[in-house]
Amino acid sequence: MHLPPEQAFWVFVQINEEYVKGYFSDGLMAVKEDALATELLIQKISSRGYRLLVNRNHIFQFFISMILFF
């Protein structure tokens, strides 16, 4: 689906209000839980991949900075 930027923004807003209500609430608990679940899943499925990501701070640095930003 290709939309002009403003229309895409309003579609994103509507999706957040209708389907993921509360996901971005104060404290971002749902976001933090999903980040932790993602970390644990990667660790369980691929310990080698997990070590690579942790050692290079790729994916987890993104989660941490995203949470601290809000």
C-alpha atoms as a PDB file:
ATOM      1  CA  MET A   1       0.000   0.000   0.000  1.00  0.00           C
ATOM      2  CA  HIS A   2       1.432   3.374  -1.006  1.00  0.00           C
ATOM      3  CA  LEU A   3      -0.062   6.499   0.516  1.00  0.00           C
ATOM      4  CA  PRO A   4       0.975  10.131   0.635  1.00  0.00           C
ATOM      5  CA  PRO A   5       2.804  10.914   3.910  1.00  0.00           C
ATOM      6  CA  GLU A   6      -0.058  12.745   5.601  1.00  0.00           C
ATOM      7  CA  GLN A   7      -2.608  10.085   4.735  1.00  0.00           C
ATOM      8  CA  ALA A   8      -0.202   7.355   5.897  1.00  0.00           C
ATOM      9  CA  PHE A   9       0.204   9.195   9.203  1.00  0.00           C
ATOM     10  CA  TRP A  10      -3.557   9.283   9.794  1.00  0.00           C
ATOM     11  CA  VAL A  11      -3.872   5.597   8.913  1.00  0.00           C
ATOM     12  CA  PHE A  12      -1.130   4.882  11.476  1.00  0.00           C
ATOM     13  CA  VAL A  13      -2.970   6.965  14.089  1.00  0.00           C
ATOM     14  CA  GLN A  14      -6.228   5.139  13.409  1.00  0.00           C
ATOM     15  CA  ILE A  15      -4.557   1.724  13.662  1.00  0.00           C
ATOM     16  CA  ASN A  16      -3.041   2.697  17.017  1.00  0.00           C
ATOM     17  CA  GLU A  17      -6.351   3.967  18.363  1.00  0.00           C
ATOM     18  CA  GLU A  18      -8.419   1.009  17.178  1.00  0.00           C
ATOM     19  CA  TYR A  19      -6.181  -2.059  17.284  1.00  0.00           C
ATOM     20  CA  VAL A  20      -3.307  -1.440  19.688  1.00  0.00           C
ATOM     21  CA  LYS A  21      -4.995   0.775  22.229  1.00  0.00           C
ATOM     22  CA  GLY A  22      -2.842   1.217  25.317  1.00  0.00           C
ATOM     23  CA  TYR A  23       0.298  -0.224  23.744  1.00  0.00           C
ATOM     24  CA  PHE A  24       2.062   3.137  23.866  1.00  0.00           C
ATOM     25  CA  SER A  25       0.643   4.180  27.243  1.00  0.00           C
ATOM     26  CA  ASP A  26       2.616   5.828  30.053  1.00  0.00           C
ATOM     27  CA  GLY A  27       5.628   3.807  31.097  1.00  0.00           C
ATOM     28  CA  LEU A  28       5.568   1.802  27.849  1.00  0.00           C
ATOM     29  CA  MET A  29       5.113  -1.439  29.777  1.00  0.00           C
ATOM     30  CA  ALA A  30       3.742  -3.306  26.747  1.00  0.00           C
ATOM     31  CA  VAL A  31       6.668  -2.150  24.598  1.00  0.00           C
ATOM     32  CA  LYS A  32       9.145  -3.191  27.305  1.00  0.00           C
ATOM     33  CA  GLU A  33       7.482  -6.600  27.650  1.00  0.00           C
ATOM     34  CA  ASP A  34       7.647  -7.162  23.896  1.00  0.00           C
ATOM     35  CA  ALA A  35      11.310  -6.108  23.799  1.00  0.00           C
ATOM     36  CA  LEU A  36      12.085  -8.597  26.580  1.00  0.00           C
ATOM     37  CA  ALA A  37      10.071 -11.343  24.877  1.00  0.00           C
ATOM     38  CA  THR A  38      11.936 -10.693  21.622  1.00  0.00           C
ATOM     39  CA  GLU A  39      15.266 -10.879  23.420  1.00  0.00           C
ATOM     40  CA  LEU A  40      14.349 -14.162  25.137  1.00  0.00           C
ATOM     41  CA  LEU A  41      13.016 -15.661  21.909  1.00  0.00           C
ATOM     42  CA  ILE A  42      16.175 -14.829  19.974  1.00  0.00           C
ATOM     43  CA  GLN A  43      18.252 -16.212  22.837  1.00  0.00           C
ATOM     44  CA  LYS A  44      16.256 -19.477  22.849  1.00  0.00           C
ATOM     45  CA  ILE A  45      16.117 -19.982  19.086  1.00  0.00           C
ATOM     46  CA  SER A  46      19.671 -18.977  18.206  1.00  0.00           C
ATOM     47  CA  SER A  47      22.191 -18.618  20.984  1.00  0.00           C
ATOM     48  CA  ARG A  48      24.882 -17.833  18.420  1.00  0.00           C
ATOM     49  CA  GLY A  49      22.745 -15.111  16.854  1.00  0.00           C
ATOM     50  CA  TYR A  50      21.891 -13.766  20.290  1.00  0.00           C
ATOM     51  CA  ARG A  51      25.553 -13.516  21.268  1.00  0.00           C
ATOM     52  CA  LEU A  52      26.314 -11.755  17.996  1.00  0.00           C
ATOM     53  CA  LEU A  53      23.577  -9.181  18.587  1.00  0.00           C
ATOM     54  CA  VAL A  54      24.557  -8.621  22.212  1.00  0.00           C
ATOM     55  CA  ASN A  55      28.271  -8.364  21.486  1.00  0.00           C
ATOM     56  CA  ARG A  56      27.679  -5.838  18.739  1.00  0.00           C
ATOM     57  CA  ASN A  57      24.850  -4.036  20.563  1.00  0.00           C
ATOM     58  CA  HIS A  58      22.694  -3.972  17.439  1.00  0.00           C
ATOM     59  CA  ILE A  59      19.100  -4.800  18.185  1.00  0.00           C
ATOM     60  CA  PHE A  60      19.081  -4.283  21.936  1.00  0.00           C
ATOM     61  CA  GLN A  61      20.626  -0.836  21.699  1.00  0.00           C
ATOM     62  CA  PHE A  62      17.691   0.088  19.475  1.00  0.00           C
ATOM     63  CA  PHE A  63      15.156  -1.179  22.032  1.00  0.00           C
ATOM     64  CA  ILE A  64      16.883   0.591  24.901  1.00  0.00           C
ATOM     65  CA  SER A  65      17.167   3.910  23.086  1.00  0.00           C
ATOM     66  CA  MET A  66      13.548   3.669  21.928  1.00  0.00           C
ATOM     67  CA  ILE A  67      12.302   3.123  25.467  1.00  0.00           C
ATOM     68  CA  LEU A  68      14.496   5.861  26.941  1.00  0.00           C
ATOM     69  CA  PHE A  69      13.334   8.303  24.246  1.00  0.00           C
ATOM     70  CA  PHE A  70       9.759   8.103  25.505  1.00  0.00           C
END
